Amino acid sequence: MPERILMIGFGTMGSGITEVFAMNGFEVNVYDMYRDVIPRALKALGGALINYVRRGLCTRMLIQS
């Protein structure tokens, strides 16, 4: 079973920390009191992960897990 964390605050810093945990196999749940922040941060995070795949730094399978 993967380790789990809860990231409270999903702005610039929170999304960066979330990215690091996710890339290292953690299951990450996020919360932000400003609901409009979450979709924007997820979109940015998805773009960053796609760039990692393009650069050969990780596999698409890792991202989908």
PDB file of N, CA and C in Angstrom:
ATOM      1  N   MET A   1       0.853  -1.172   0.000  1.00  0.00           N
ATOM      2  CA  MET A   1       0.000   0.000   0.000  1.00  0.00           C
ATOM      3  C   MET A   1       0.900   1.237   0.000  1.00  0.00           C
ATOM      4  N   PRO A   2       0.604   2.210  -0.884  1.00  0.00           N
ATOM      5  CA  PRO A   2       1.450   3.414  -0.950  1.00  0.00           C
ATOM      6  C   PRO A   2       1.266   4.314   0.271  1.00  0.00           C
ATOM      7  N   GLU A   3       2.301   5.044   0.576  1.00  0.00           N
ATOM      8  CA  GLU A   3       2.205   6.062   1.620  1.00  0.00           C
ATOM      9  C   GLU A   3       1.273   7.158   1.120  1.00  0.00           C
ATOM     10  N   ARG A   4       0.536   7.777   2.031  1.00  0.00           N
ATOM     11  CA  ARG A   4      -0.396   8.837   1.646  1.00  0.00           C
ATOM     12  C   ARG A   4      -0.083  10.119   2.403  1.00  0.00           C
ATOM     13  N   ILE A   5      -0.276  11.231   1.709  1.00  0.00           N
ATOM     14  CA  ILE A   5      -0.153  12.529   2.365  1.00  0.00           C
ATOM     15  C   ILE A   5      -1.354  13.392   1.974  1.00  0.00           C
ATOM     16  N   LEU A   6      -1.604  14.392   2.776  1.00  0.00           N
ATOM     17  CA  LEU A   6      -2.626  15.397   2.473  1.00  0.00           C
ATOM     18  C   LEU A   6      -1.915  16.729   2.358  1.00  0.00           C
ATOM     19  N   MET A   7      -2.010  17.356   1.208  1.00  0.00           N
ATOM     20  CA  MET A   7      -1.417  18.675   0.995  1.00  0.00           C
ATOM     21  C   MET A   7      -2.512  19.712   1.212  1.00  0.00           C
ATOM     22  N   ILE A   8      -2.337  20.534   2.214  1.00  0.00           N
ATOM     23  CA  ILE A   8      -3.287  21.603   2.495  1.00  0.00           C
ATOM     24  C   ILE A   8      -2.698  22.883   1.930  1.00  0.00           C
ATOM     25  N   GLY A   9      -3.356  23.410   0.930  1.00  0.00           N
ATOM     26  CA  GLY A   9      -2.853  24.568   0.187  1.00  0.00           C
ATOM     27  C   GLY A   9      -2.242  24.077  -1.107  1.00  0.00           C
ATOM     28  N   PHE A  10      -2.841  24.410  -2.224  1.00  0.00           N
ATOM     29  CA  PHE A  10      -2.429  23.858  -3.519  1.00  0.00           C
ATOM     30  C   PHE A  10      -2.046  24.964  -4.482  1.00  0.00           C
ATOM     31  N   GLY A  11      -1.475  26.037  -3.930  1.00  0.00           N
ATOM     32  CA  GLY A  11      -0.981  27.118  -4.777  1.00  0.00           C
ATOM     33  C   GLY A  11       0.365  26.745  -5.368  1.00  0.00           C
ATOM     34  N   THR A  12       1.200  27.715  -5.628  1.00  0.00           N
ATOM     35  CA  THR A  12       2.502  27.485  -6.253  1.00  0.00           C
ATOM     36  C   THR A  12       3.370  26.537  -5.426  1.00  0.00           C
ATOM     37  N   MET A  13       3.519  26.826  -4.163  1.00  0.00           N
ATOM     38  CA  MET A  13       4.375  26.000  -3.315  1.00  0.00           C
ATOM     39  C   MET A  13       3.757  24.620  -3.063  1.00  0.00           C
ATOM     40  N   GLY A  14       2.474  24.588  -2.762  1.00  0.00           N
ATOM     41  CA  GLY A  14       1.808  23.316  -2.495  1.00  0.00           C
ATOM     42  C   GLY A  14       1.807  22.389  -3.692  1.00  0.00           C
ATOM     43  N   SER A  15       1.614  22.942  -4.884  1.00  0.00           N
ATOM     44  CA  SER A  15       1.618  22.081  -6.075  1.00  0.00           C
ATOM     45  C   SER A  15       3.022  21.558  -6.365  1.00  0.00           C
ATOM     46  N   GLY A  16       4.034  22.357  -6.074  1.00  0.00           N
ATOM     47  CA  GLY A  16       5.415  21.889  -6.252  1.00  0.00           C
ATOM     48  C   GLY A  16       5.758  20.760  -5.292  1.00  0.00           C
ATOM     49  N   ILE A  17       5.359  20.904  -4.047  1.00  0.00           N
ATOM     50  CA  ILE A  17       5.590  19.855  -3.054  1.00  0.00           C
ATOM     51  C   ILE A  17       4.811  18.598  -3.431  1.00  0.00           C
ATOM     52  N   THR A  18       3.581  18.785  -3.876  1.00  0.00           N
ATOM     53  CA  THR A  18       2.755  17.660  -4.317  1.00  0.00           C
ATOM     54  C   THR A  18       3.427  16.912  -5.460  1.00  0.00           C
ATOM     55  N   GLU A  19       3.986  17.643  -6.401  1.00  0.00           N
ATOM     56  CA  GLU A  19       4.679  17.038  -7.546  1.00  0.00           C
ATOM     57  C   GLU A  19       5.822  16.142  -7.074  1.00  0.00           C
ATOM     58  N   VAL A  20       6.609  16.624  -6.134  1.00  0.00           N
ATOM     59  CA  VAL A  20       7.742  15.848  -5.622  1.00  0.00           C
ATOM     60  C   VAL A  20       7.260  14.568  -4.942  1.00  0.00           C
ATOM     61  N   PHE A  21       6.249  14.676  -4.093  1.00  0.00           N
ATOM     62  CA  PHE A  21       5.737  13.486  -3.426  1.00  0.00           C
ATOM     63  C   PHE A  21       5.161  12.493  -4.435  1.00  0.00           C
ATOM     64  N   ALA A  22       4.384  12.982  -5.392  1.00  0.00           N
ATOM     65  CA  ALA A  22       3.766  12.102  -6.392  1.00  0.00           C
ATOM     66  C   ALA A  22       4.834  11.387  -7.221  1.00  0.00           C
ATOM     67  N   MET A  23       5.878  12.097  -7.590  1.00  0.00           N
ATOM     68  CA  MET A  23       6.951  11.489  -8.391  1.00  0.00           C
ATOM     69  C   MET A  23       7.723  10.430  -7.602  1.00  0.00           C
ATOM     70  N   ASN A  24       7.595  10.457  -6.293  1.00  0.00           N
ATOM     71  CA  ASN A  24       8.287   9.483  -5.460  1.00  0.00           C
ATOM     72  C   ASN A  24       7.354   8.409  -4.907  1.00  0.00           C
ATOM     73  N   GLY A  25       6.206   8.248  -5.559  1.00  0.00           N
ATOM     74  CA  GLY A  25       5.327   7.129  -5.276  1.00  0.00           C
ATOM     75  C   GLY A  25       4.303   7.329  -4.175  1.00  0.00           C
ATOM     76  N   PHE A  26       4.163   8.539  -3.675  1.00  0.00           N
ATOM     77  CA  PHE A  26       3.171   8.791  -2.636  1.00  0.00           C
ATOM     78  C   PHE A  26       1.804   9.025  -3.261  1.00  0.00           C
ATOM     79  N   GLU A  27       0.762   8.606  -2.573  1.00  0.00           N
ATOM     80  CA  GLU A  27      -0.602   8.962  -2.955  1.00  0.00           C
ATOM     81  C   GLU A  27      -0.882  10.303  -2.296  1.00  0.00           C
ATOM     82  N   VAL A  28      -1.256  11.296  -3.101  1.00  0.00           N
ATOM     83  CA  VAL A  28      -1.408  12.649  -2.582  1.00  0.00           C
ATOM     84  C   VAL A  28      -2.850  13.114  -2.732  1.00  0.00           C
ATOM     85  N   ASN A  29      -3.435  13.543  -1.636  1.00  0.00           N
ATOM     86  CA  ASN A  29      -4.735  14.196  -1.651  1.00  0.00           C
ATOM     87  C   ASN A  29      -4.490  15.677  -1.406  1.00  0.00           C
ATOM     88  N   VAL A  30      -5.265  16.521  -2.058  1.00  0.00           N
ATOM     89  CA  VAL A  30      -5.043  17.960  -1.916  1.00  0.00           C
ATOM     90  C   VAL A  30      -6.306  18.664  -1.432  1.00  0.00           C
ATOM     91  N   TYR A  31      -6.092  19.751  -0.717  1.00  0.00           N
ATOM     92  CA  TYR A  31      -7.190  20.592  -0.248  1.00  0.00           C
ATOM     93  C   TYR A  31      -6.731  22.034  -0.335  1.00  0.00           C
ATOM     94  N   ASP A  32      -7.612  22.873  -0.805  1.00  0.00           N
ATOM     95  CA  ASP A  32      -7.371  24.310  -0.776  1.00  0.00           C
ATOM     96  C   ASP A  32      -8.715  24.979  -0.516  1.00  0.00           C
ATOM     97  N   MET A  33      -8.717  25.940   0.371  1.00  0.00           N
ATOM     98  CA  MET A  33      -9.987  26.598   0.697  1.00  0.00           C
ATOM     99  C   MET A  33     -10.545  27.395  -0.481  1.00  0.00           C
ATOM    100  N   TYR A  34      -9.686  27.745  -1.431  1.00  0.00           N
ATOM    101  CA  TYR A  34     -10.125  28.436  -2.643  1.00  0.00           C
ATOM    102  C   TYR A  34     -10.275  27.391  -3.744  1.00  0.00           C
ATOM    103  N   ARG A  35     -11.484  26.942  -3.966  1.00  0.00           N
ATOM    104  CA  ARG A  35     -11.755  25.832  -4.887  1.00  0.00           C
ATOM    105  C   ARG A  35     -11.266  26.083  -6.315  1.00  0.00           C
ATOM    106  N   ASP A  36     -11.202  27.329  -6.739  1.00  0.00           N
ATOM    107  CA  ASP A  36     -10.780  27.612  -8.108  1.00  0.00           C
ATOM    108  C   ASP A  36      -9.293  27.374  -8.316  1.00  0.00           C
ATOM    109  N   VAL A  37      -8.521  27.243  -7.253  1.00  0.00           N
ATOM    110  CA  VAL A  37      -7.085  27.006  -7.351  1.00  0.00           C
ATOM    111  C   VAL A  37      -6.792  25.580  -7.823  1.00  0.00           C
ATOM    112  N   ILE A  38      -7.603  24.630  -7.390  1.00  0.00           N
ATOM    113  CA  ILE A  38      -7.315  23.215  -7.646  1.00  0.00           C
ATOM    114  C   ILE A  38      -7.285  22.875  -9.133  1.00  0.00           C
ATOM    115  N   PRO A  39      -8.291  23.235  -9.944  1.00  0.00           N
ATOM    116  CA  PRO A  39      -8.214  22.888 -11.367  1.00  0.00           C
ATOM    117  C   PRO A  39      -6.996  23.507 -12.070  1.00  0.00           C
ATOM    118  N   ARG A  40      -6.676  24.750 -11.726  1.00  0.00           N
ATOM    119  CA  ARG A  40      -5.511  25.397 -12.360  1.00  0.00           C
ATOM    120  C   ARG A  40      -4.213  24.700 -11.971  1.00  0.00           C
ATOM    121  N   ALA A  41      -4.084  24.355 -10.704  1.00  0.00           N
ATOM    122  CA  ALA A  41      -2.864  23.691 -10.242  1.00  0.00           C
ATOM    123  C   ALA A  41      -2.741  22.289 -10.837  1.00  0.00           C
ATOM    124  N   LEU A  42      -3.852  21.570 -10.944  1.00  0.00           N
ATOM    125  CA  LEU A  42      -3.821  20.243 -11.555  1.00  0.00           C
ATOM    126  C   LEU A  42      -3.424  20.312 -13.019  1.00  0.00           C
ATOM    127  N   LYS A  43      -3.905  21.325 -13.724  1.00  0.00           N
ATOM    128  CA  LYS A  43      -3.533  21.501 -15.124  1.00  0.00           C
ATOM    129  C   LYS A  43      -2.035  21.762 -15.248  1.00  0.00           C
ATOM    130  N   ALA A  44      -1.504  22.625 -14.397  1.00  0.00           N
ATOM    131  CA  ALA A  44      -0.068  22.919 -14.418  1.00  0.00           C
ATOM    132  C   ALA A  44       0.752  21.686 -14.054  1.00  0.00           C
ATOM    133  N   LEU A  45       0.286  20.944 -13.064  1.00  0.00           N
ATOM    134  CA  LEU A  45       0.980  19.730 -12.641  1.00  0.00           C
ATOM    135  C   LEU A  45       0.983  18.703 -13.766  1.00  0.00           C
ATOM    136  N   GLY A  46      -0.144  18.556 -14.438  1.00  0.00           N
ATOM    137  CA  GLY A  46      -0.214  17.635 -15.580  1.00  0.00           C
ATOM    138  C   GLY A  46       0.754  18.017 -16.679  1.00  0.00           C
ATOM    139  N   GLY A  47       0.856  19.310 -16.955  1.00  0.00           N
ATOM    140  CA  GLY A  47       1.806  19.779 -17.966  1.00  0.00           C
ATOM    141  C   GLY A  47       3.246  19.481 -17.576  1.00  0.00           C
ATOM    142  N   ALA A  48       3.564  19.655 -16.305  1.00  0.00           N
ATOM    143  CA  ALA A  48       4.922  19.367 -15.827  1.00  0.00           C
ATOM    144  C   ALA A  48       5.231  17.881 -15.966  1.00  0.00           C
ATOM    145  N   LEU A  49       4.269  17.031 -15.619  1.00  0.00           N
ATOM    146  CA  LEU A  49       4.495  15.590 -15.713  1.00  0.00           C
ATOM    147  C   LEU A  49       4.653  15.138 -17.161  1.00  0.00           C
ATOM    148  N   ILE A  50       3.894  15.731 -18.069  1.00  0.00           N
ATOM    149  CA  ILE A  50       4.051  15.407 -19.498  1.00  0.00           C
ATOM    150  C   ILE A  50       5.446  15.791 -19.973  1.00  0.00           C
ATOM    151  N   ASN A  51       5.944  16.929 -19.514  1.00  0.00           N
ATOM    152  CA  ASN A  51       7.310  17.326 -19.881  1.00  0.00           C
ATOM    153  C   ASN A  51       8.338  16.348 -19.351  1.00  0.00           C
ATOM    154  N   TYR A  52       8.123  15.786 -18.166  1.00  0.00           N
ATOM    155  CA  TYR A  52       9.047  14.786 -17.634  1.00  0.00           C
ATOM    156  C   TYR A  52       9.082  13.552 -18.529  1.00  0.00           C
ATOM    157  N   VAL A  53       7.921  13.142 -19.027  1.00  0.00           N
ATOM    158  CA  VAL A  53       7.863  11.985 -19.924  1.00  0.00           C
ATOM    159  C   VAL A  53       8.599  12.304 -21.223  1.00  0.00           C
ATOM    160  N   ARG A  54       8.359  13.467 -21.792  1.00  0.00           N
ATOM    161  CA  ARG A  54       9.025  13.861 -23.044  1.00  0.00           C
ATOM    162  C   ARG A  54      10.538  13.890 -22.908  1.00  0.00           C
ATOM    163  N   ARG A  55      11.009  14.304 -21.742  1.00  0.00           N
ATOM    164  CA  ARG A  55      12.451  14.394 -21.510  1.00  0.00           C
ATOM    165  C   ARG A  55      13.054  13.076 -21.042  1.00  0.00           C
ATOM    166  N   GLY A  56      12.215  12.049 -20.898  1.00  0.00           N
ATOM    167  CA  GLY A  56      12.692  10.734 -20.492  1.00  0.00           C
ATOM    168  C   GLY A  56      13.002  10.610 -19.010  1.00  0.00           C
ATOM    169  N   LEU A  57      12.468  11.513 -18.190  1.00  0.00           N
ATOM    170  CA  LEU A  57      12.754  11.475 -16.761  1.00  0.00           C
ATOM    171  C   LEU A  57      11.827  10.536 -16.001  1.00  0.00           C
ATOM    172  N   CYS A  58      10.708  10.171 -16.618  1.00  0.00           N
ATOM    173  CA  CYS A  58       9.807   9.181 -16.026  1.00  0.00           C
ATOM    174  C   CYS A  58       8.945   8.599 -17.142  1.00  0.00           C
ATOM    175  N   THR A  59       8.184   7.588 -16.804  1.00  0.00           N
ATOM    176  CA  THR A  59       7.336   6.934 -17.808  1.00  0.00           C
ATOM    177  C   THR A  59       5.886   7.364 -17.639  1.00  0.00           C
ATOM    178  N   ARG A  60       5.156   7.227 -18.698  1.00  0.00           N
ATOM    179  CA  ARG A  60       3.719   7.527 -18.641  1.00  0.00           C
ATOM    180  C   ARG A  60       3.019   6.604 -17.638  1.00  0.00           C
ATOM    181  N   MET A  61       3.493   5.374 -17.522  1.00  0.00           N
ATOM    182  CA  MET A  61       2.902   4.420 -16.585  1.00  0.00           C
ATOM    183  C   MET A  61       3.036   4.935 -15.147  1.00  0.00           C
ATOM    184  N   LEU A  62       4.175   5.520 -14.805  1.00  0.00           N
ATOM    185  CA  LEU A  62       4.368   6.068 -13.469  1.00  0.00           C
ATOM    186  C   LEU A  62       3.374   7.197 -13.219  1.00  0.00           C
ATOM    187  N   ILE A  63       3.162   8.048 -14.200  1.00  0.00           N
ATOM    188  CA  ILE A  63       2.250   9.175 -14.050  1.00  0.00           C
ATOM    189  C   ILE A  63       0.818   8.698 -13.867  1.00  0.00           C
ATOM    190  N   GLN A  64       0.433   7.654 -14.576  1.00  0.00           N
ATOM    191  CA  GLN A  64      -0.945   7.170 -14.499  1.00  0.00           C
ATOM    192  C   GLN A  64      -1.242   6.419 -13.212  1.00  0.00           C
ATOM    193  N   SER A  65      -0.207   6.006 -12.516  1.00  0.00           N
ATOM    194  CA  SER A  65      -0.441   5.225 -11.276  1.00  0.00           C
ATOM    195  C   SER A  65      -0.756   6.114 -10.096  1.00  0.00           C
TER     196      SER A  65
END
